[in-house]
């Protein structure tokens, strides 16, 4: 019986089509048909893969842009809010607020 050149990768034993056909011929079996890849199919597969890569890059750019906008918005709005500023001041009534706003208006003039 003829010996066969095999490769053992990751627990999988495989042989080339040529090697398998040689063994099949020695056993009296028909050889396996070799598939030849059509250049148009290969070109289409390459275009599809390139388009997927481009779409993934565009999605990543979009996510980065949204994250940047959120970061800038957070920086811009950082600091004390209006409620926190007013909570620091002791305004017991609307009259106290009116008096304070009038004094601020006079100092601006």
PDB file of N, CA and C in Angstrom:
ATOM      1  N   UNK A   1       0.844  -1.180   0.000  1.00  0.00           N
ATOM      2  CA  UNK A   1       0.000   0.000   0.000  1.00  0.00           C
ATOM      3  C   UNK A   1       0.888   1.242   0.000  1.00  0.00           C
ATOM      4  N   UNK A   2       0.460   2.247  -0.716  1.00  0.00           N
ATOM      5  CA  UNK A   2       1.247   3.475  -0.857  1.00  0.00           C
ATOM      6  C   UNK A   2       1.074   4.347   0.380  1.00  0.00           C
ATOM      7  N   UNK A   3       2.149   5.043   0.734  1.00  0.00           N
ATOM      8  CA  UNK A   3       2.049   5.947   1.875  1.00  0.00           C
ATOM      9  C   UNK A   3       1.624   7.326   1.385  1.00  0.00           C
ATOM     10  N   UNK A   4       1.102   8.083   2.291  1.00  0.00           N
ATOM     11  CA  UNK A   4       0.520   9.381   1.926  1.00  0.00           C
ATOM     12  C   UNK A   4       1.174  10.476   2.756  1.00  0.00           C
ATOM     13  N   UNK A   5       1.503  11.581   2.116  1.00  0.00           N
ATOM     14  CA  UNK A   5       2.042  12.746   2.819  1.00  0.00           C
ATOM     15  C   UNK A   5       0.867  13.497   3.434  1.00  0.00           C
ATOM     16  N   UNK A   6       0.820  13.598   4.745  1.00  0.00           N
ATOM     17  CA  UNK A   6      -0.277  14.281   5.420  1.00  0.00           C
ATOM     18  C   UNK A   6       0.294  15.355   6.334  1.00  0.00           C
ATOM     19  N   UNK A   7      -0.561  16.299   6.670  1.00  0.00           N
ATOM     20  CA  UNK A   7      -0.174  17.320   7.649  1.00  0.00           C
ATOM     21  C   UNK A   7      -1.171  17.279   8.789  1.00  0.00           C
ATOM     22  N   UNK A   8      -0.682  17.488   9.982  1.00  0.00           N
ATOM     23  CA  UNK A   8      -1.519  17.432  11.179  1.00  0.00           C
ATOM     24  C   UNK A   8      -1.501  18.816  11.819  1.00  0.00           C
ATOM     25  N   UNK A   9      -2.566  19.563  11.604  1.00  0.00           N
ATOM     26  CA  UNK A   9      -2.647  20.925  12.145  1.00  0.00           C
ATOM     27  C   UNK A   9      -3.835  21.025  13.078  1.00  0.00           C
ATOM     28  N   UNK A  10      -3.581  21.300  14.334  1.00  0.00           N
ATOM     29  CA  UNK A  10      -4.656  21.506  15.288  1.00  0.00           C
ATOM     30  C   UNK A  10      -5.576  20.301  15.434  1.00  0.00           C
ATOM     31  N   UNK A  11      -5.058  19.097  15.347  1.00  0.00           N
ATOM     32  CA  UNK A  11      -5.868  17.907  15.501  1.00  0.00           C
ATOM     33  C   UNK A  11      -6.556  17.466  14.223  1.00  0.00           C
ATOM     34  N   UNK A  12      -6.350  18.162  13.123  1.00  0.00           N
ATOM     35  CA  UNK A  12      -6.972  17.813  11.850  1.00  0.00           C
ATOM     36  C   UNK A  12      -5.908  17.275  10.907  1.00  0.00           C
ATOM     37  N   UNK A  13      -6.158  16.074  10.375  1.00  0.00           N
ATOM     38  CA  UNK A  13      -5.218  15.469   9.439  1.00  0.00           C
ATOM     39  C   UNK A  13      -5.729  15.740   8.041  1.00  0.00           C
ATOM     40  N   UNK A  14      -4.865  16.297   7.189  1.00  0.00           N
ATOM     41  CA  UNK A  14      -5.295  16.613   5.829  1.00  0.00           C
ATOM     42  C   UNK A  14      -4.176  16.292   4.848  1.00  0.00           C
ATOM     43  N   UNK A  15      -4.615  16.101   3.581  1.00  0.00           N
ATOM     44  CA  UNK A  15      -3.660  15.842   2.500  1.00  0.00           C
ATOM     45  C   UNK A  15      -4.091  16.683   1.312  1.00  0.00           C
ATOM     46  N   UNK A  16      -3.160  16.949   0.428  1.00  0.00           N
ATOM     47  CA  UNK A  16      -3.497  17.744  -0.747  1.00  0.00           C
ATOM     48  C   UNK A  16      -4.362  16.924  -1.699  1.00  0.00           C
ATOM     49  N   UNK A  17      -5.050  17.596  -2.601  1.00  0.00           N
ATOM     50  CA  UNK A  17      -5.900  16.919  -3.581  1.00  0.00           C
ATOM     51  C   UNK A  17      -5.051  16.037  -4.481  1.00  0.00           C
ATOM     52  N   UNK A  18      -3.881  16.506  -4.879  1.00  0.00           N
ATOM     53  CA  UNK A  18      -3.006  15.713  -5.735  1.00  0.00           C
ATOM     54  C   UNK A  18      -2.588  14.425  -5.031  1.00  0.00           C
ATOM     55  N   UNK A  19      -2.226  14.541  -3.763  1.00  0.00           N
ATOM     56  CA  UNK A  19      -1.807  13.370  -2.987  1.00  0.00           C
ATOM     57  C   UNK A  19      -2.970  12.398  -2.830  1.00  0.00           C
ATOM     58  N   UNK A  20      -4.164  12.908  -2.546  1.00  0.00           N
ATOM     59  CA  UNK A  20      -5.352  12.059  -2.408  1.00  0.00           C
ATOM     60  C   UNK A  20      -5.672  11.364  -3.725  1.00  0.00           C
ATOM     61  N   UNK A  21      -5.576  12.081  -4.847  1.00  0.00           N
ATOM     62  CA  UNK A  21      -5.850  11.477  -6.156  1.00  0.00           C
ATOM     63  C   UNK A  21      -4.833  10.382  -6.491  1.00  0.00           C
ATOM     64  N   UNK A  22      -3.590  10.559  -6.099  1.00  0.00           N
ATOM     65  CA  UNK A  22      -2.572   9.544  -6.341  1.00  0.00           C
ATOM     66  C   UNK A  22      -2.924   8.259  -5.595  1.00  0.00           C
ATOM     67  N   UNK A  23      -3.355   8.386  -4.342  1.00  0.00           N
ATOM     68  CA  UNK A  23      -3.732   7.220  -3.545  1.00  0.00           C
ATOM     69  C   UNK A  23      -4.997   6.574  -4.105  1.00  0.00           C
ATOM     70  N   UNK A  24      -5.971   7.403  -4.511  1.00  0.00           N
ATOM     71  CA  UNK A  24      -7.214   6.878  -5.078  1.00  0.00           C
ATOM     72  C   UNK A  24      -6.928   6.108  -6.369  1.00  0.00           C
ATOM     73  N   UNK A  25      -6.011   6.601  -7.205  1.00  0.00           N
ATOM     74  CA  UNK A  25      -5.665   5.911  -8.452  1.00  0.00           C
ATOM     75  C   UNK A  25      -5.031   4.560  -8.150  1.00  0.00           C
ATOM     76  N   UNK A  26      -4.185   4.499  -7.112  1.00  0.00           N
ATOM     77  CA  UNK A  26      -3.550   3.219  -6.760  1.00  0.00           C
ATOM     78  C   UNK A  26      -4.570   2.235  -6.213  1.00  0.00           C
ATOM     79  N   UNK A  27      -5.686   2.710  -5.680  1.00  0.00           N
ATOM     80  CA  UNK A  27      -6.750   1.840  -5.164  1.00  0.00           C
ATOM     81  C   UNK A  27      -7.797   1.516  -6.228  1.00  0.00           C
ATOM     82  N   UNK A  28      -7.680   2.113  -7.429  1.00  0.00           N
ATOM     83  CA  UNK A  28      -8.617   1.859  -8.504  1.00  0.00           C
ATOM     84  C   UNK A  28      -9.862   2.729  -8.440  1.00  0.00           C
ATOM     85  N   UNK A  29      -9.814   3.815  -7.673  1.00  0.00           N
ATOM     86  CA  UNK A  29     -10.960   4.737  -7.565  1.00  0.00           C
ATOM     87  C   UNK A  29     -10.778   5.909  -8.514  1.00  0.00           C
ATOM     88  N   UNK A  30     -11.893   6.570  -8.816  1.00  0.00           N
ATOM     89  CA  UNK A  30     -11.810   7.755  -9.669  1.00  0.00           C
ATOM     90  C   UNK A  30     -11.177   8.904  -8.878  1.00  0.00           C
ATOM     91  N   UNK A  31     -10.411   9.739  -9.548  1.00  0.00           N
ATOM     92  CA  UNK A  31      -9.801  10.875  -8.835  1.00  0.00           C
ATOM     93  C   UNK A  31     -10.860  11.925  -8.485  1.00  0.00           C
ATOM     94  N   UNK A  32     -10.560  12.670  -7.477  1.00  0.00           N
ATOM     95  CA  UNK A  32     -11.433  13.775  -7.080  1.00  0.00           C
ATOM     96  C   UNK A  32     -11.311  14.903  -8.099  1.00  0.00           C
ATOM     97  N   UNK A  33     -12.421  15.562  -8.361  1.00  0.00           N
ATOM     98  CA  UNK A  33     -12.406  16.686  -9.301  1.00  0.00           C
ATOM     99  C   UNK A  33     -11.816  17.898  -8.600  1.00  0.00           C
ATOM    100  N   UNK A  34     -10.891  18.544  -9.244  1.00  0.00           N
ATOM    101  CA  UNK A  34     -10.298  19.759  -8.678  1.00  0.00           C
ATOM    102  C   UNK A  34     -11.117  20.956  -9.123  1.00  0.00           C
ATOM    103  N   UNK A  35     -11.497  21.755  -8.177  1.00  0.00           N
ATOM    104  CA  UNK A  35     -12.272  22.964  -8.489  1.00  0.00           C
ATOM    105  C   UNK A  35     -11.303  24.085  -8.809  1.00  0.00           C
ATOM    106  N   UNK A  36     -11.541  24.707  -9.919  1.00  0.00           N
ATOM    107  CA  UNK A  36     -10.726  25.860 -10.287  1.00  0.00           C
ATOM    108  C   UNK A  36     -11.580  27.092 -10.074  1.00  0.00           C
ATOM    109  N   UNK A  37     -11.053  28.018  -9.336  1.00  0.00           N
ATOM    110  CA  UNK A  37     -11.808  29.214  -8.993  1.00  0.00           C
ATOM    111  C   UNK A  37     -11.839  30.170 -10.167  1.00  0.00           C
ATOM    112  N   UNK A  38     -13.023  30.645 -10.450  1.00  0.00           N
ATOM    113  CA  UNK A  38     -13.230  31.595 -11.535  1.00  0.00           C
ATOM    114  C   UNK A  38     -12.634  32.946 -11.129  1.00  0.00           C
ATOM    115  N   UNK A  39     -11.857  33.595 -11.999  1.00  0.00           N
ATOM    116  CA  UNK A  39     -11.270  34.894 -11.642  1.00  0.00           C
ATOM    117  C   UNK A  39     -12.324  35.954 -11.328  1.00  0.00           C
ATOM    118  N   UNK A  40     -13.474  35.878 -11.989  1.00  0.00           N
ATOM    119  CA  UNK A  40     -14.531  36.857 -11.722  1.00  0.00           C
ATOM    120  C   UNK A  40     -15.085  36.674 -10.310  1.00  0.00           C
ATOM    121  N   UNK A  41     -15.234  35.413  -9.893  1.00  0.00           N
ATOM    122  CA  UNK A  41     -15.723  35.129  -8.540  1.00  0.00           C
ATOM    123  C   UNK A  41     -14.704  35.615  -7.509  1.00  0.00           C
ATOM    124  N   UNK A  42     -13.447  35.385  -7.766  1.00  0.00           N
ATOM    125  CA  UNK A  42     -12.393  35.833  -6.847  1.00  0.00           C
ATOM    126  C   UNK A  42     -12.361  37.358  -6.759  1.00  0.00           C
ATOM    127  N   UNK A  43     -12.526  38.017  -7.902  1.00  0.00           N
ATOM    128  CA  UNK A  43     -12.521  39.483  -7.903  1.00  0.00           C
ATOM    129  C   UNK A  43     -13.727  40.018  -7.135  1.00  0.00           C
ATOM    130  N   UNK A  44     -14.876  39.376  -7.320  1.00  0.00           N
ATOM    131  CA  UNK A  44     -16.082  39.811  -6.600  1.00  0.00           C
ATOM    132  C   UNK A  44     -15.896  39.620  -5.093  1.00  0.00           C
ATOM    133  N   UNK A  45     -15.335  38.480  -4.701  1.00  0.00           N
ATOM    134  CA  UNK A  45     -15.101  38.219  -3.280  1.00  0.00           C
ATOM    135  C   UNK A  45     -14.148  39.260  -2.694  1.00  0.00           C
ATOM    136  N   UNK A  46     -13.146  39.652  -3.465  1.00  0.00           N
ATOM    137  CA  UNK A  46     -12.201  40.667  -2.998  1.00  0.00           C
ATOM    138  C   UNK A  46     -12.894  42.015  -2.841  1.00  0.00           C
ATOM    139  N   UNK A  47     -13.781  42.353  -3.805  1.00  0.00           N
ATOM    140  CA  UNK A  47     -14.512  43.623  -3.702  1.00  0.00           C
ATOM    141  C   UNK A  47     -15.449  43.624  -2.496  1.00  0.00           C
ATOM    142  N   UNK A  48     -16.116  42.494  -2.252  1.00  0.00           N
ATOM    143  CA  UNK A  48     -17.023  42.393  -1.103  1.00  0.00           C
ATOM    144  C   UNK A  48     -16.238  42.536   0.191  1.00  0.00           C
ATOM    145  N   UNK A  49     -15.097  41.881   0.277  1.00  0.00           N
ATOM    146  CA  UNK A  49     -14.264  41.981   1.480  1.00  0.00           C
ATOM    147  C   UNK A  49     -13.767  43.409   1.684  1.00  0.00           C
ATOM    148  N   UNK A  50     -13.371  44.075   0.599  1.00  0.00           N
ATOM    149  CA  UNK A  50     -12.900  45.455   0.703  1.00  0.00           C
ATOM    150  C   UNK A  50     -14.035  46.379   1.132  1.00  0.00           C
ATOM    151  N   UNK A  51     -15.238  46.141   0.620  1.00  0.00           N
ATOM    152  CA  UNK A  51     -16.391  46.969   0.999  1.00  0.00           C
ATOM    153  C   UNK A  51     -16.743  46.770   2.471  1.00  0.00           C
ATOM    154  N   UNK A  52     -16.670  45.517   2.946  1.00  0.00           N
ATOM    155  CA  UNK A  52     -16.938  45.250   4.364  1.00  0.00           C
ATOM    156  C   UNK A  52     -15.919  45.972   5.245  1.00  0.00           C
ATOM    157  N   UNK A  53     -14.661  45.934   4.827  1.00  0.00           N
ATOM    158  CA  UNK A  53     -13.609  46.610   5.598  1.00  0.00           C
ATOM    159  C   UNK A  53     -13.837  48.113   5.616  1.00  0.00           C
ATOM    160  N   UNK A  54     -14.210  48.665   4.468  1.00  0.00           N
ATOM    161  CA  UNK A  54     -14.481  50.103   4.379  1.00  0.00           C
ATOM    162  C   UNK A  54     -15.681  50.484   5.240  1.00  0.00           C
ATOM    163  N   UNK A  55     -16.729  49.658   5.232  1.00  0.00           N
ATOM    164  CA  UNK A  55     -17.903  49.922   6.063  1.00  0.00           C
ATOM    165  C   UNK A  55     -17.552  49.868   7.548  1.00  0.00           C
ATOM    166  N   UNK A  56     -16.709  48.911   7.918  1.00  0.00           N
ATOM    167  CA  UNK A  56     -16.290  48.796   9.316  1.00  0.00           C
ATOM    168  C   UNK A  56     -15.486  50.024   9.740  1.00  0.00           C
ATOM    169  N   UNK A  57     -14.610  50.503   8.852  1.00  0.00           N
ATOM    170  CA  UNK A  57     -13.827  51.694   9.167  1.00  0.00           C
ATOM    171  C   UNK A  57     -14.731  52.915   9.288  1.00  0.00           C
ATOM    172  N   UNK A  58     -15.718  53.029   8.411  1.00  0.00           N
ATOM    173  CA  UNK A  58     -16.648  54.159   8.466  1.00  0.00           C
ATOM    174  C   UNK A  58     -17.464  54.121   9.757  1.00  0.00           C
ATOM    175  N   UNK A  59     -17.887  52.927  10.159  1.00  0.00           N
ATOM    176  CA  UNK A  59     -18.638  52.792  11.403  1.00  0.00           C
ATOM    177  C   UNK A  59     -17.767  53.199  12.595  1.00  0.00           C
ATOM    178  N   UNK A  60     -16.485  52.822  12.557  1.00  0.00           N
ATOM    179  CA  UNK A  60     -15.575  53.189  13.639  1.00  0.00           C
ATOM    180  C   UNK A  60     -15.366  54.700  13.678  1.00  0.00           C
ATOM    181  N   UNK A  61     -15.191  55.320  12.499  1.00  0.00           N
ATOM    182  CA  UNK A  61     -15.049  56.786  12.458  1.00  0.00           C
ATOM    183  C   UNK A  61     -16.288  57.468  13.016  1.00  0.00           C
ATOM    184  N   UNK A  62     -17.473  56.932  12.686  1.00  0.00           N
ATOM    185  CA  UNK A  62     -18.724  57.508  13.160  1.00  0.00           C
ATOM    186  C   UNK A  62     -18.827  57.393  14.685  1.00  0.00           C
ATOM    187  N   UNK A  63     -18.474  56.221  15.234  1.00  0.00           N
ATOM    188  CA  UNK A  63     -18.512  56.050  16.689  1.00  0.00           C
ATOM    189  C   UNK A  63     -17.530  56.987  17.376  1.00  0.00           C
ATOM    190  N   UNK A  64     -16.332  57.150  16.794  1.00  0.00           N
ATOM    191  CA  UNK A  64     -15.340  58.051  17.383  1.00  0.00           C
ATOM    192  C   UNK A  64     -15.820  59.494  17.344  1.00  0.00           C
ATOM    193  N   UNK A  65     -16.461  59.894  16.244  1.00  0.00           N
ATOM    194  CA  UNK A  65     -16.976  61.255  16.123  1.00  0.00           C
ATOM    195  C   UNK A  65     -18.073  61.517  17.160  1.00  0.00           C
ATOM    196  N   UNK A  66     -18.981  60.543  17.342  1.00  0.00           N
ATOM    197  CA  UNK A  66     -20.041  60.709  18.347  1.00  0.00           C
ATOM    198  C   UNK A  66     -19.453  60.798  19.749  1.00  0.00           C
ATOM    199  N   UNK A  67     -18.431  59.985  20.028  1.00  0.00           N
ATOM    200  CA  UNK A  67     -17.788  60.021  21.346  1.00  0.00           C
ATOM    201  C   UNK A  67     -17.105  61.367  21.569  1.00  0.00           C
ATOM    202  N   UNK A  68     -16.469  61.897  20.524  1.00  0.00           N
ATOM    203  CA  UNK A  68     -15.798  63.192  20.632  1.00  0.00           C
ATOM    204  C   UNK A  68     -16.816  64.294  20.901  1.00  0.00           C
ATOM    205  N   UNK A  69     -17.944  64.271  20.173  1.00  0.00           N
ATOM    206  CA  UNK A  69     -18.985  65.276  20.388  1.00  0.00           C
ATOM    207  C   UNK A  69     -19.541  65.196  21.803  1.00  0.00           C
ATOM    208  N   UNK A  70     -19.752  63.984  22.309  1.00  0.00           N
ATOM    209  CA  UNK A  70     -20.256  63.816  23.676  1.00  0.00           C
ATOM    210  C   UNK A  70     -19.250  64.341  24.688  1.00  0.00           C
ATOM    211  N   UNK A  71     -17.964  64.072  24.445  1.00  0.00           N
ATOM    212  CA  UNK A  71     -16.920  64.556  25.358  1.00  0.00           C
ATOM    213  C   UNK A  71     -16.870  66.077  25.375  1.00  0.00           C
ATOM    214  N   UNK A  72     -16.928  66.691  24.185  1.00  0.00           N
ATOM    215  CA  UNK A  72     -16.895  68.151  24.113  1.00  0.00           C
ATOM    216  C   UNK A  72     -18.127  68.770  24.762  1.00  0.00           C
ATOM    217  N   UNK A  73     -19.290  68.149  24.562  1.00  0.00           N
ATOM    218  CA  UNK A  73     -20.526  68.649  25.172  1.00  0.00           C
ATOM    219  C   UNK A  73     -20.426  68.574  26.693  1.00  0.00           C
ATOM    220  N   UNK A  74     -19.851  67.479  27.206  1.00  0.00           N
ATOM    221  CA  UNK A  74     -19.700  67.321  28.645  1.00  0.00           C
ATOM    222  C   UNK A  74     -18.740  68.367  29.199  1.00  0.00           C
ATOM    223  N   UNK A  75     -17.663  68.645  28.471  1.00  0.00           N
ATOM    224  CA  UNK A  75     -16.717  69.668  28.915  1.00  0.00           C
ATOM    225  C   UNK A  75     -17.381  71.037  28.932  1.00  0.00           C
ATOM    226  N   UNK A  76     -18.163  71.321  27.902  1.00  0.00           N
ATOM    227  CA  UNK A  76     -18.800  72.630  27.787  1.00  0.00           C
ATOM    228  C   UNK A  76     -19.823  72.837  28.889  1.00  0.00           C
ATOM    229  N   UNK A  77     -20.537  71.784  29.219  1.00  0.00           N
ATOM    230  CA  UNK A  77     -21.586  71.895  30.219  1.00  0.00           C
ATOM    231  C   UNK A  77     -21.098  71.594  31.622  1.00  0.00           C
ATOM    232  N   UNK A  78     -19.804  71.387  31.779  1.00  0.00           N
ATOM    233  CA  UNK A  78     -19.249  71.061  33.084  1.00  0.00           C
ATOM    234  C   UNK A  78     -19.373  72.230  34.047  1.00  0.00           C
ATOM    235  N   UNK A  79     -19.196  71.932  35.297  1.00  0.00           N
ATOM    236  CA  UNK A  79     -19.310  72.964  36.322  1.00  0.00           C
ATOM    237  C   UNK A  79     -20.653  72.859  37.015  1.00  0.00           C
ATOM    238  N   UNK A  80     -20.971  73.868  37.780  1.00  0.00           N
ATOM    239  CA  UNK A  80     -22.218  73.848  38.532  1.00  0.00           C
ATOM    240  C   UNK A  80     -23.397  74.169  37.624  1.00  0.00           C
ATOM    241  N   UNK A  81     -24.487  73.480  37.879  1.00  0.00           N
ATOM    242  CA  UNK A  81     -25.703  73.758  37.127  1.00  0.00           C
ATOM    243  C   UNK A  81     -26.421  74.946  37.758  1.00  0.00           C
ATOM    244  N   UNK A  82     -27.450  75.422  37.097  1.00  0.00           N
ATOM    245  CA  UNK A  82     -28.216  76.562  37.596  1.00  0.00           C
ATOM    246  C   UNK A  82     -28.848  76.236  38.939  1.00  0.00           C
ATOM    247  N   UNK A  83     -29.343  75.021  39.075  1.00  0.00           N
ATOM    248  CA  UNK A  83     -29.935  74.608  40.353  1.00  0.00           C
ATOM    249  C   UNK A  83     -28.908  74.596  41.467  1.00  0.00           C
ATOM    250  N   UNK A  84     -27.700  74.130  41.174  1.00  0.00           N
ATOM    251  CA  UNK A  84     -26.650  74.122  42.197  1.00  0.00           C
ATOM    252  C   UNK A  84     -26.227  75.532  42.574  1.00  0.00           C
ATOM    253  N   UNK A  85     -26.167  76.433  41.592  1.00  0.00           N
ATOM    254  CA  UNK A  85     -25.808  77.823  41.879  1.00  0.00           C
ATOM    255  C   UNK A  85     -26.854  78.492  42.751  1.00  0.00           C
ATOM    256  N   UNK A  86     -28.108  78.251  42.439  1.00  0.00           N
ATOM    257  CA  UNK A  86     -29.180  78.862  43.224  1.00  0.00           C
ATOM    258  C   UNK A  86     -29.314  78.213  44.587  1.00  0.00           C
ATOM    259  N   UNK A  87     -28.948  76.972  44.742  1.00  0.00           N
ATOM    260  CA  UNK A  87     -29.022  76.296  46.035  1.00  0.00           C
ATOM    261  C   UNK A  87     -27.986  76.869  46.988  1.00  0.00           C
ATOM    262  N   UNK A  88     -26.864  77.346  46.451  1.00  0.00           N
ATOM    263  CA  UNK A  88     -25.835  77.948  47.298  1.00  0.00           C
ATOM    264  C   UNK A  88     -26.321  79.261  47.910  1.00  0.00           C
ATOM    265  N   UNK A  89     -27.133  79.971  47.177  1.00  0.00           N
ATOM    266  CA  UNK A  89     -27.665  81.233  47.677  1.00  0.00           C
ATOM    267  C   UNK A  89     -28.942  80.937  48.454  1.00  0.00           C
ATOM    268  N   UNK A  90     -29.110  81.626  49.545  1.00  0.00           N
ATOM    269  CA  UNK A  90     -30.289  81.376  50.351  1.00  0.00           C
ATOM    270  C   UNK A  90     -31.385  82.348  49.934  1.00  0.00           C
ATOM    271  N   UNK A  91     -32.254  81.853  49.089  1.00  0.00           N
ATOM    272  CA  UNK A  91     -33.401  82.624  48.637  1.00  0.00           C
ATOM    273  C   UNK A  91     -34.639  82.022  49.290  1.00  0.00           C
ATOM    274  N   UNK A  92     -35.182  82.739  50.257  1.00  0.00           N
ATOM    275  CA  UNK A  92     -36.339  82.205  50.965  1.00  0.00           C
ATOM    276  C   UNK A  92     -37.641  82.539  50.258  1.00  0.00           C
ATOM    277  N   UNK A  93     -37.629  83.617  49.483  1.00  0.00           N
ATOM    278  CA  UNK A  93     -38.893  84.016  48.867  1.00  0.00           C
ATOM    279  C   UNK A  93     -38.623  84.617  47.493  1.00  0.00           C
ATOM    280  N   UNK A  94     -39.685  84.828  46.783  1.00  0.00           N
ATOM    281  CA  UNK A  94     -39.579  85.467  45.476  1.00  0.00           C
ATOM    282  C   UNK A  94     -39.115  86.911  45.637  1.00  0.00           C
ATOM    283  N   UNK A  95     -39.513  87.542  46.717  1.00  0.00           N
ATOM    284  CA  UNK A  95     -39.113  88.932  46.955  1.00  0.00           C
ATOM    285  C   UNK A  95     -37.590  89.026  47.104  1.00  0.00           C
ATOM    286  N   UNK A  96     -36.988  88.070  47.768  1.00  0.00           N
ATOM    287  CA  UNK A  96     -35.539  88.084  47.944  1.00  0.00           C
ATOM    288  C   UNK A  96     -34.862  87.900  46.584  1.00  0.00           C
ATOM    289  N   UNK A  97     -35.423  87.058  45.734  1.00  0.00           N
ATOM    290  CA  UNK A  97     -34.863  86.839  44.412  1.00  0.00           C
ATOM    291  C   UNK A  97     -34.968  88.103  43.566  1.00  0.00           C
ATOM    292  N   UNK A  98     -36.126  88.805  43.645  1.00  0.00           N
ATOM    293  CA  UNK A  98     -36.320  90.034  42.877  1.00  0.00           C
ATOM    294  C   UNK A  98     -35.323  91.083  43.343  1.00  0.00           C
ATOM    295  N   UNK A  99     -35.156  91.203  44.648  1.00  0.00           N
ATOM    296  CA  UNK A  99     -34.211  92.189  45.189  1.00  0.00           C
ATOM    297  C   UNK A  99     -32.792  91.887  44.712  1.00  0.00           C
ATOM    298  N   UNK A 100     -32.403  90.632  44.727  1.00  0.00           N
ATOM    299  CA  UNK A 100     -31.064  90.266  44.286  1.00  0.00           C
ATOM    300  C   UNK A 100     -30.881  90.542  42.798  1.00  0.00           C
ATOM    301  N   UNK A 101     -31.877  90.210  41.989  1.00  0.00           N
ATOM    302  CA  UNK A 101     -31.747  90.429  40.545  1.00  0.00           C
ATOM    303  C   UNK A 101     -31.706  91.915  40.217  1.00  0.00           C
ATOM    304  N   UNK A 102     -32.404  92.726  40.969  1.00  0.00           N
ATOM    305  CA  UNK A 102     -32.364  94.180  40.735  1.00  0.00           C
ATOM    306  C   UNK A 102     -30.999  94.756  41.095  1.00  0.00           C
ATOM    307  N   UNK A 103     -30.416  94.265  42.170  1.00  0.00           N
ATOM    308  CA  UNK A 103     -29.095  94.766  42.547  1.00  0.00           C
ATOM    309  C   UNK A 103     -28.053  94.341  41.506  1.00  0.00           C
ATOM    310  N   UNK A 104     -28.191  93.147  40.981  1.00  0.00           N
ATOM    311  CA  UNK A 104     -27.283  92.696  39.933  1.00  0.00           C
ATOM    312  C   UNK A 104     -27.454  93.540  38.672  1.00  0.00           C
ATOM    313  N   UNK A 105     -28.682  93.896  38.358  1.00  0.00           N
ATOM    314  CA  UNK A 105     -28.963  94.726  37.179  1.00  0.00           C
ATOM    315  C   UNK A 105     -28.336  96.106  37.337  1.00  0.00           C
ATOM    316  N   UNK A 106     -28.419  96.659  38.536  1.00  0.00           N
ATOM    317  CA  UNK A 106     -27.835  97.986  38.768  1.00  0.00           C
ATOM    318  C   UNK A 106     -26.307  97.958  38.674  1.00  0.00           C
ATOM    319  N   UNK A 107     -25.696  96.879  39.135  1.00  0.00           N
ATOM    320  CA  UNK A 107     -24.239  96.809  39.069  1.00  0.00           C
ATOM    321  C   UNK A 107     -23.751  96.635  37.640  1.00  0.00           C
ATOM    322  N   UNK A 108     -24.581  96.073  36.788  1.00  0.00           N
ATOM    323  CA  UNK A 108     -24.217  95.912  35.363  1.00  0.00           C
ATOM    324  C   UNK A 108     -24.259  97.242  34.637  1.00  0.00           C
ATOM    325  N   UNK A 109     -25.096  98.163  35.074  1.00  0.00           N
ATOM    326  CA  UNK A 109     -25.239  99.456  34.384  1.00  0.00           C
ATOM    327  C   UNK A 109     -24.140 100.356  34.722  1.00  0.00           C
TER     328      UNK A 109
END
